[in-house]
Amino acid sequence: LLSVPGGVVVCDQSNSKLRFVRIASGSADGASKTLVAPQNVDMPAGVALGTDGSYFFTDLGNQQVKRWDAKTGVSVVAGHKSPQEARTQEGKGVMATMRAPYGIAADGG
């Protein structure tokens, strides 16, 4: 759950979606928008706000960290879909090996 202007961003694990829920007059009014659909995520777990307004989120099912931007959509920032794959050396970025990435935080950098 991430508080953002006008609402909150929710990791809906059961439905494999990243959602924006609008908050009006201090309470949720039920209006929600799917930001990331199941074809691009499998069990989102954590979400953080990037300095550019994008959202970084963890994808448990795919063992990845991803970024969502309103203009460009979803991209993989770190991790690959085969963490079980034997590796002789740890990779960086999309070649990094992750096992169940859950929480995430972003800083000004």
N, C-alpha and C. Protein backbone atom coordinates (compact mmCIF):
# COMPACT_ATOMS: atom_id res chain seq x y z
N LEU A 1 0.85 -1.18 0.00
CA LEU A 1 0.00 0.00 0.00
C LEU A 1 0.89 1.23 0.00
N LEU A 2 0.63 2.12 -0.92
CA LEU A 2 1.41 3.35 -1.05
C LEU A 2 0.46 4.53 -1.17
N SER A 3 0.60 5.49 -0.28
CA SER A 3 -0.22 6.69 -0.33
C SER A 3 0.36 7.66 -1.36
N VAL A 4 -0.48 8.08 -2.29
CA VAL A 4 -0.08 9.03 -3.33
C VAL A 4 -1.17 10.10 -3.42
N PRO A 5 -0.88 11.24 -4.04
CA PRO A 5 -1.90 12.28 -4.17
C PRO A 5 -3.19 11.73 -4.79
N GLY A 6 -4.30 11.92 -4.11
CA GLY A 6 -5.60 11.51 -4.62
C GLY A 6 -6.01 10.09 -4.30
N GLY A 7 -5.13 9.30 -3.69
CA GLY A 7 -5.50 7.93 -3.39
C GLY A 7 -4.36 7.08 -2.88
N VAL A 8 -4.48 5.79 -3.11
CA VAL A 8 -3.46 4.83 -2.70
C VAL A 8 -3.21 3.85 -3.85
N VAL A 9 -1.99 3.32 -3.91
CA VAL A 9 -1.65 2.27 -4.85
C VAL A 9 -1.60 0.98 -4.05
N VAL A 10 -2.33 -0.03 -4.51
CA VAL A 10 -2.49 -1.29 -3.78
C VAL A 10 -1.93 -2.45 -4.60
N CYS A 11 -1.18 -3.32 -3.93
CA CYS A 11 -0.73 -4.57 -4.53
C CYS A 11 -1.81 -5.61 -4.28
N ASP A 12 -2.56 -5.93 -5.29
CA ASP A 12 -3.65 -6.91 -5.20
C ASP A 12 -3.08 -8.27 -5.60
N GLN A 13 -2.51 -8.98 -4.61
CA GLN A 13 -1.84 -10.26 -4.89
C GLN A 13 -2.78 -11.31 -5.43
N SER A 14 -3.95 -11.44 -4.85
CA SER A 14 -4.88 -12.50 -5.25
C SER A 14 -5.30 -12.40 -6.71
N ASN A 15 -5.40 -11.18 -7.22
CA ASN A 15 -5.80 -10.96 -8.61
C ASN A 15 -4.64 -10.59 -9.52
N SER A 16 -3.42 -10.59 -8.97
CA SER A 16 -2.21 -10.23 -9.73
C SER A 16 -2.37 -8.91 -10.48
N LYS A 17 -2.69 -7.85 -9.71
CA LYS A 17 -2.85 -6.52 -10.29
C LYS A 17 -2.25 -5.47 -9.37
N LEU A 18 -1.78 -4.41 -9.96
CA LEU A 18 -1.39 -3.21 -9.22
C LEU A 18 -2.50 -2.21 -9.49
N ARG A 19 -3.13 -1.71 -8.43
CA ARG A 19 -4.31 -0.85 -8.59
C ARG A 19 -4.13 0.50 -7.93
N PHE A 20 -4.78 1.51 -8.49
CA PHE A 20 -4.91 2.81 -7.86
C PHE A 20 -6.34 2.91 -7.35
N VAL A 21 -6.50 3.24 -6.07
CA VAL A 21 -7.83 3.42 -5.47
C VAL A 21 -7.95 4.88 -5.06
N ARG A 22 -8.97 5.53 -5.59
CA ARG A 22 -9.18 6.95 -5.32
C ARG A 22 -9.73 7.17 -3.91
N ILE A 23 -9.20 8.19 -3.25
CA ILE A 23 -9.67 8.60 -1.94
C ILE A 23 -10.29 9.98 -2.08
N ALA A 24 -11.54 10.11 -1.71
CA ALA A 24 -12.23 11.41 -1.77
C ALA A 24 -12.81 11.72 -0.41
N SER A 25 -12.61 12.91 0.07
CA SER A 25 -13.13 13.36 1.36
C SER A 25 -12.71 12.44 2.50
N GLY A 26 -11.48 11.93 2.44
CA GLY A 26 -10.94 11.14 3.54
C GLY A 26 -11.29 9.67 3.54
N SER A 27 -12.11 9.19 2.60
CA SER A 27 -12.43 7.77 2.56
C SER A 27 -12.44 7.26 1.12
N ALA A 28 -12.19 5.97 0.98
CA ALA A 28 -12.19 5.37 -0.35
C ALA A 28 -13.60 5.41 -0.92
N ASP A 29 -13.73 5.88 -2.13
CA ASP A 29 -15.07 5.97 -2.73
C ASP A 29 -15.37 4.77 -3.64
N GLY A 30 -14.47 3.80 -3.66
CA GLY A 30 -14.72 2.59 -4.43
C GLY A 30 -14.20 2.63 -5.85
N ALA A 31 -13.86 3.81 -6.34
CA ALA A 31 -13.35 3.92 -7.70
C ALA A 31 -11.91 3.42 -7.74
N SER A 32 -11.63 2.45 -8.60
CA SER A 32 -10.26 1.96 -8.73
C SER A 32 -9.90 1.82 -10.19
N LYS A 33 -8.62 1.86 -10.45
CA LYS A 33 -8.10 1.74 -11.82
C LYS A 33 -6.96 0.73 -11.78
N THR A 34 -6.98 -0.23 -12.68
CA THR A 34 -5.90 -1.20 -12.78
C THR A 34 -4.74 -0.55 -13.52
N LEU A 35 -3.59 -0.46 -12.85
CA LEU A 35 -2.39 0.10 -13.47
C LEU A 35 -1.60 -0.99 -14.19
N VAL A 36 -1.48 -2.14 -13.54
CA VAL A 36 -0.74 -3.27 -14.11
C VAL A 36 -1.63 -4.50 -14.04
N ALA A 37 -1.87 -5.13 -15.17
CA ALA A 37 -2.76 -6.29 -15.29
C ALA A 37 -1.98 -7.60 -15.16
N PRO A 38 -2.68 -8.72 -14.94
CA PRO A 38 -2.03 -10.02 -14.73
C PRO A 38 -1.04 -10.45 -15.81
N GLN A 39 -1.21 -10.02 -17.05
CA GLN A 39 -0.25 -10.44 -18.08
C GLN A 39 1.13 -9.83 -17.85
N ASN A 40 1.24 -8.81 -16.98
CA ASN A 40 2.52 -8.16 -16.70
C ASN A 40 3.02 -8.34 -15.28
N VAL A 41 2.28 -9.06 -14.44
CA VAL A 41 2.70 -9.25 -13.05
C VAL A 41 2.06 -10.52 -12.51
N ASP A 42 2.79 -11.19 -11.62
CA ASP A 42 2.27 -12.38 -10.95
C ASP A 42 2.53 -12.20 -9.45
N MET A 43 1.54 -11.75 -8.74
CA MET A 43 1.58 -11.52 -7.30
C MET A 43 2.45 -10.32 -6.90
N PRO A 44 2.01 -9.09 -7.17
CA PRO A 44 2.75 -7.93 -6.71
C PRO A 44 2.75 -7.88 -5.19
N ALA A 45 3.86 -7.47 -4.59
CA ALA A 45 3.95 -7.51 -3.13
C ALA A 45 4.26 -6.15 -2.50
N GLY A 46 5.18 -5.41 -3.06
CA GLY A 46 5.55 -4.12 -2.50
C GLY A 46 5.58 -3.08 -3.59
N VAL A 47 5.37 -1.83 -3.21
CA VAL A 47 5.36 -0.75 -4.19
C VAL A 47 5.99 0.50 -3.58
N ALA A 48 6.74 1.24 -4.39
CA ALA A 48 7.37 2.48 -3.96
C ALA A 48 7.25 3.50 -5.10
N LEU A 49 7.24 4.76 -4.72
CA LEU A 49 7.11 5.85 -5.68
C LEU A 49 8.49 6.32 -6.12
N GLY A 50 8.70 6.38 -7.43
CA GLY A 50 9.95 6.89 -7.98
C GLY A 50 9.92 8.41 -8.01
N THR A 51 11.08 9.02 -8.11
CA THR A 51 11.16 10.49 -8.12
C THR A 51 10.48 11.10 -9.33
N ASP A 52 10.31 10.32 -10.39
CA ASP A 52 9.67 10.82 -11.61
C ASP A 52 8.17 10.53 -11.67
N GLY A 53 7.60 10.00 -10.58
CA GLY A 53 6.17 9.69 -10.54
C GLY A 53 5.84 8.28 -10.98
N SER A 54 6.84 7.51 -11.36
CA SER A 54 6.61 6.11 -11.72
C SER A 54 6.50 5.27 -10.45
N TYR A 55 6.04 4.04 -10.58
CA TYR A 55 5.94 3.13 -9.44
C TYR A 55 6.88 1.95 -9.66
N PHE A 56 7.67 1.64 -8.65
CA PHE A 56 8.52 0.46 -8.65
C PHE A 56 7.82 -0.57 -7.79
N PHE A 57 7.73 -1.81 -8.27
CA PHE A 57 7.03 -2.82 -7.48
C PHE A 57 7.70 -4.17 -7.60
N THR A 58 7.51 -4.99 -6.59
CA THR A 58 8.07 -6.33 -6.60
C THR A 58 7.06 -7.30 -7.17
N ASP A 59 7.55 -8.25 -7.93
CA ASP A 59 6.72 -9.26 -8.59
C ASP A 59 7.18 -10.62 -8.06
N LEU A 60 6.46 -11.13 -7.04
CA LEU A 60 6.84 -12.39 -6.39
C LEU A 60 6.86 -13.56 -7.35
N GLY A 61 5.83 -13.69 -8.15
CA GLY A 61 5.70 -14.85 -9.04
C GLY A 61 6.77 -14.93 -10.11
N ASN A 62 7.25 -13.78 -10.57
CA ASN A 62 8.28 -13.75 -11.60
C ASN A 62 9.67 -13.48 -11.06
N GLN A 63 9.79 -13.29 -9.74
CA GLN A 63 11.09 -13.06 -9.09
C GLN A 63 11.79 -11.81 -9.65
N GLN A 64 11.02 -10.71 -9.79
CA GLN A 64 11.56 -9.51 -10.41
C GLN A 64 11.12 -8.24 -9.68
N VAL A 65 11.85 -7.17 -9.95
CA VAL A 65 11.44 -5.82 -9.59
C VAL A 65 11.10 -5.14 -10.91
N LYS A 66 9.94 -4.50 -10.94
CA LYS A 66 9.47 -3.87 -12.18
C LYS A 66 9.14 -2.40 -11.93
N ARG A 67 9.02 -1.68 -13.02
CA ARG A 67 8.68 -0.25 -12.97
C ARG A 67 7.47 -0.03 -13.86
N TRP A 68 6.52 0.76 -13.35
CA TRP A 68 5.36 1.15 -14.15
C TRP A 68 5.40 2.65 -14.34
N ASP A 69 5.21 3.07 -15.57
CA ASP A 69 5.16 4.48 -15.93
C ASP A 69 3.92 4.68 -16.80
N ALA A 70 3.20 5.75 -16.58
CA ALA A 70 1.97 6.00 -17.32
C ALA A 70 2.19 6.09 -18.83
N LYS A 71 3.36 6.54 -19.25
CA LYS A 71 3.64 6.70 -20.68
C LYS A 71 4.19 5.43 -21.32
N THR A 72 5.07 4.73 -20.60
CA THR A 72 5.78 3.60 -21.22
C THR A 72 5.29 2.23 -20.75
N GLY A 73 4.47 2.19 -19.71
CA GLY A 73 3.96 0.91 -19.21
C GLY A 73 4.93 0.23 -18.26
N VAL A 74 5.02 -1.10 -18.35
CA VAL A 74 5.80 -1.92 -17.42
C VAL A 74 7.13 -2.31 -18.03
N SER A 75 8.19 -2.22 -17.22
CA SER A 75 9.51 -2.69 -17.64
C SER A 75 10.17 -3.40 -16.46
N VAL A 76 11.05 -4.35 -16.76
CA VAL A 76 11.78 -5.07 -15.73
C VAL A 76 13.02 -4.27 -15.36
N VAL A 77 13.21 -4.05 -14.05
CA VAL A 77 14.36 -3.31 -13.55
C VAL A 77 15.43 -4.28 -13.05
N ALA A 78 15.00 -5.33 -12.39
CA ALA A 78 15.95 -6.31 -11.83
C ALA A 78 15.30 -7.67 -11.72
N GLY A 79 16.13 -8.70 -11.87
CA GLY A 79 15.66 -10.07 -11.73
C GLY A 79 15.27 -10.69 -13.06
N HIS A 80 15.25 -11.99 -13.07
CA HIS A 80 14.82 -12.73 -14.25
C HIS A 80 13.90 -13.85 -13.80
N LYS A 81 13.20 -14.46 -14.70
CA LYS A 81 12.15 -15.41 -14.35
C LYS A 81 12.66 -16.79 -13.94
N SER A 82 13.95 -17.03 -13.99
CA SER A 82 14.48 -18.36 -13.68
C SER A 82 15.50 -18.31 -12.54
N PRO A 83 15.08 -18.01 -11.31
CA PRO A 83 16.04 -17.91 -10.22
C PRO A 83 16.67 -19.25 -9.87
N GLN A 84 16.05 -20.36 -10.27
CA GLN A 84 16.58 -21.68 -9.97
C GLN A 84 17.77 -22.02 -10.86
N GLU A 85 17.90 -21.28 -11.94
CA GLU A 85 18.96 -21.53 -12.91
C GLU A 85 20.33 -21.38 -12.24
N ALA A 86 21.18 -22.38 -12.40
CA ALA A 86 22.51 -22.32 -11.80
C ALA A 86 23.34 -21.23 -12.46
N ARG A 87 24.00 -20.44 -11.66
CA ARG A 87 24.84 -19.37 -12.17
C ARG A 87 26.19 -19.42 -11.48
N THR A 88 27.21 -19.15 -12.23
CA THR A 88 28.54 -19.11 -11.65
C THR A 88 28.86 -17.74 -11.09
N GLN A 89 28.13 -16.72 -11.52
CA GLN A 89 28.37 -15.36 -11.06
C GLN A 89 27.04 -14.62 -11.00
N GLU A 90 26.87 -13.84 -9.95
CA GLU A 90 25.66 -13.03 -9.79
C GLU A 90 25.65 -11.93 -10.84
N GLY A 91 24.49 -11.67 -11.40
CA GLY A 91 24.36 -10.62 -12.40
C GLY A 91 23.82 -9.34 -11.81
N LYS A 92 23.76 -8.31 -12.63
CA LYS A 92 23.21 -7.02 -12.23
C LYS A 92 21.94 -6.77 -13.04
N GLY A 93 21.08 -5.93 -12.52
CA GLY A 93 19.87 -5.56 -13.25
C GLY A 93 19.01 -6.76 -13.59
N VAL A 94 18.66 -6.91 -14.86
CA VAL A 94 17.76 -8.00 -15.26
C VAL A 94 18.42 -9.38 -15.14
N MET A 95 19.71 -9.44 -14.89
CA MET A 95 20.39 -10.73 -14.70
C MET A 95 20.57 -11.08 -13.22
N ALA A 96 20.09 -10.23 -12.33
CA ALA A 96 20.20 -10.50 -10.90
C ALA A 96 19.30 -11.67 -10.52
N THR A 97 19.77 -12.49 -9.60
CA THR A 97 18.97 -13.61 -9.11
C THR A 97 18.24 -13.18 -7.84
N MET A 98 16.93 -13.33 -7.84
CA MET A 98 16.11 -12.98 -6.68
C MET A 98 15.26 -14.16 -6.30
N ARG A 99 14.93 -14.22 -5.03
CA ARG A 99 14.03 -15.24 -4.53
C ARG A 99 12.98 -14.53 -3.70
N ALA A 100 11.77 -14.47 -4.20
CA ALA A 100 10.62 -13.88 -3.51
C ALA A 100 10.87 -12.44 -3.06
N PRO A 101 11.16 -11.52 -3.98
CA PRO A 101 11.31 -10.11 -3.60
C PRO A 101 9.98 -9.59 -3.07
N TYR A 102 9.99 -9.00 -1.90
CA TYR A 102 8.75 -8.60 -1.26
C TYR A 102 8.66 -7.10 -1.05
N GLY A 103 9.40 -6.58 -0.12
CA GLY A 103 9.33 -5.14 0.16
C GLY A 103 10.23 -4.36 -0.76
N ILE A 104 9.93 -3.08 -0.89
CA ILE A 104 10.74 -2.21 -1.73
C ILE A 104 10.64 -0.78 -1.20
N ALA A 105 11.72 -0.04 -1.31
CA ALA A 105 11.75 1.36 -0.91
C ALA A 105 12.56 2.13 -1.95
N ALA A 106 12.25 3.38 -2.13
CA ALA A 106 12.98 4.22 -3.08
C ALA A 106 13.50 5.44 -2.34
N ASP A 107 14.65 5.93 -2.79
CA ASP A 107 15.18 7.17 -2.23
C ASP A 107 15.30 8.20 -3.33
N GLY A 108 15.83 9.33 -3.04
CA GLY A 108 15.94 10.42 -4.01
C GLY A 108 16.87 10.14 -5.16
N GLY A 109 17.71 9.09 -5.06
CA GLY A 109 18.68 8.78 -6.10
C GLY A 109 18.15 7.81 -7.09
